[in-house]
Amino acid sequence: MVFITYLSLGSVPDTTGGININIPHFDKLVHFTFYLVSTILGGFFLNELRREKTVLLKATFIMMIVAVVYGMVVEVLQYNFTTDRHGDVLDFLANSIGAISGFVAMKYLILGVLSQK
């Protein structure tokens, strides 16, 4: 989450050397991926606090909610407090869809693992 916060609120210097590759909506894919991964990793982290494999789904659901709220807060902070970033509803939507997708992926993974036991 620190990495996401830094990239979302910090100023990132242009390191492309003048190369301008324009991929439409690439930033939305990046938002989606960051929040998908953070939800999955956060679910595993919260689960390790309890050390019970059967609560992994609940932990991932909690992390999904945290990630959605966190994504909203970051976008509001970008809109109100940064000069070279701007808050975007579509970024928030990409964040949320990534977090929800992370939960859904974990749900099917967990149900598959638990059904094999």
Protein backbone atom coordinates (compact mmCIF):
# COMPACT_ATOMS: atom_id res chain seq x y z
CA MET A 1 0.00 0.00 0.00
CA VAL A 2 2.96 2.30 0.60
CA PHE A 3 4.06 1.66 -2.99
CA ILE A 4 0.59 2.51 -4.31
CA THR A 5 0.45 5.65 -2.18
CA TYR A 6 3.85 6.81 -3.39
CA LEU A 7 2.99 6.26 -7.04
CA SER A 8 -0.46 7.81 -6.63
CA LEU A 9 0.50 10.95 -4.73
CA GLY A 10 4.19 11.48 -5.45
CA SER A 11 5.73 13.22 -8.41
CA VAL A 12 7.32 10.73 -10.75
CA PRO A 13 10.05 12.17 -13.00
CA ASP A 14 9.86 11.54 -16.75
CA THR A 15 12.39 8.78 -17.41
CA THR A 16 11.26 7.95 -20.94
CA GLY A 17 13.95 10.12 -22.54
CA GLY A 18 11.42 11.79 -24.79
CA ILE A 19 9.89 8.54 -26.01
CA ASN A 20 6.14 8.93 -26.09
CA ILE A 21 4.29 5.63 -26.37
CA ASN A 22 0.56 6.20 -26.19
CA ILE A 23 -1.46 3.18 -25.12
CA PRO A 24 -5.09 4.22 -24.60
CA HIS A 25 -6.26 3.82 -21.00
CA PHE A 26 -3.04 2.08 -19.95
CA ASP A 27 -3.20 3.89 -16.60
CA LYS A 28 -6.56 2.20 -15.89
CA LEU A 29 -4.91 -1.19 -16.42
CA VAL A 30 -2.17 -0.17 -13.99
CA HIS A 31 -4.76 0.92 -11.39
CA PHE A 32 -6.67 -2.35 -11.88
CA THR A 33 -3.51 -4.44 -11.48
CA PHE A 34 -2.25 -2.60 -8.39
CA TYR A 35 -5.53 -3.04 -6.54
CA LEU A 36 -6.04 -6.64 -7.67
CA VAL A 37 -2.60 -7.59 -6.36
CA SER A 38 -2.96 -5.54 -3.16
CA THR A 39 -6.28 -7.25 -2.36
CA ILE A 40 -4.81 -10.72 -2.85
CA LEU A 41 -1.63 -9.98 -0.89
CA GLY A 42 -3.59 -8.17 1.82
CA GLY A 43 -5.93 -11.14 2.15
CA PHE A 44 -2.98 -13.47 2.67
CA PHE A 45 -1.46 -11.02 5.18
CA LEU A 46 -4.66 -10.70 7.21
CA ASN A 47 -5.07 -14.46 7.10
CA GLU A 48 -1.55 -14.99 8.48
CA LEU A 49 -2.47 -12.89 11.49
CA ARG A 50 -5.08 -15.52 12.37
CA ARG A 51 -3.18 -18.50 10.93
CA GLU A 52 -6.42 -20.23 9.95
CA LYS A 53 -6.78 -21.22 6.33
CA THR A 54 -10.59 -21.26 6.52
CA VAL A 55 -10.74 -17.52 7.23
CA LEU A 56 -8.74 -16.58 4.12
CA LEU A 57 -11.92 -15.74 2.20
CA LYS A 58 -13.12 -13.45 4.99
CA ALA A 59 -9.69 -11.81 5.22
CA THR A 60 -9.63 -11.22 1.47
CA PHE A 61 -13.14 -9.73 1.61
CA ILE A 62 -12.02 -7.32 4.35
CA MET A 63 -8.98 -6.39 2.28
CA MET A 64 -11.20 -5.79 -0.76
CA ILE A 65 -13.30 -3.32 1.25
CA VAL A 66 -10.15 -1.63 2.58
CA ALA A 67 -8.70 -1.39 -0.95
CA VAL A 68 -11.89 0.16 -2.39
CA VAL A 69 -12.08 2.75 0.39
CA TYR A 70 -8.35 3.40 0.14
CA GLY A 71 -8.64 3.91 -3.63
CA MET A 72 -11.39 6.46 -3.06
CA VAL A 73 -9.34 8.33 -0.46
CA VAL A 74 -6.30 8.43 -2.76
CA GLU A 75 -8.35 9.85 -5.62
CA VAL A 76 -9.82 12.54 -3.33
CA LEU A 77 -6.32 13.40 -2.10
CA GLN A 78 -5.08 13.63 -5.68
CA TYR A 79 -7.95 15.94 -6.59
CA ASN A 80 -7.53 18.23 -3.58
CA PHE A 81 -3.87 18.20 -2.60
CA THR A 82 -1.58 17.48 -5.57
CA THR A 83 -0.50 19.81 -8.32
CA ASP A 84 0.64 17.35 -10.99
CA ARG A 85 -1.94 14.63 -10.33
CA HIS A 86 -5.69 14.74 -10.67
CA GLY A 87 -8.40 12.63 -9.11
CA ASP A 88 -10.40 10.65 -11.61
CA VAL A 89 -13.65 8.75 -11.18
CA LEU A 90 -12.51 6.25 -13.81
CA ASP A 91 -9.31 5.61 -11.82
CA PHE A 92 -11.46 4.93 -8.75
CA LEU A 93 -13.60 2.59 -10.83
CA ALA A 94 -10.49 0.75 -12.10
CA ASN A 95 -9.19 0.51 -8.51
CA SER A 96 -12.51 -0.90 -7.31
CA ILE A 97 -12.87 -3.39 -10.15
CA GLY A 98 -9.29 -4.55 -9.50
CA ALA A 99 -10.01 -5.06 -5.80
CA ILE A 100 -13.26 -6.90 -6.51
CA SER A 101 -11.53 -9.06 -9.14
CA GLY A 102 -8.83 -9.92 -6.60
CA PHE A 103 -11.50 -11.07 -4.17
CA VAL A 104 -13.34 -13.10 -6.82
CA ALA A 105 -10.10 -14.75 -7.96
CA MET A 106 -9.22 -15.66 -4.39
CA LYS A 107 -12.75 -16.92 -3.75
CA TYR A 108 -12.54 -19.40 -6.61
CA LEU A 109 -8.99 -20.36 -5.67
CA ILE A 110 -9.93 -20.90 -2.03
CA LEU A 111 -13.11 -22.82 -2.85
CA GLY A 112 -11.09 -25.01 -5.22
CA VAL A 113 -8.45 -25.71 -2.57
CA LEU A 114 -10.98 -26.34 0.19
CA SER A 115 -13.07 -28.67 -1.97
CA GLN A 116 -9.98 -30.83 -2.59
CA LYS A 117 -9.52 -31.48 1.14
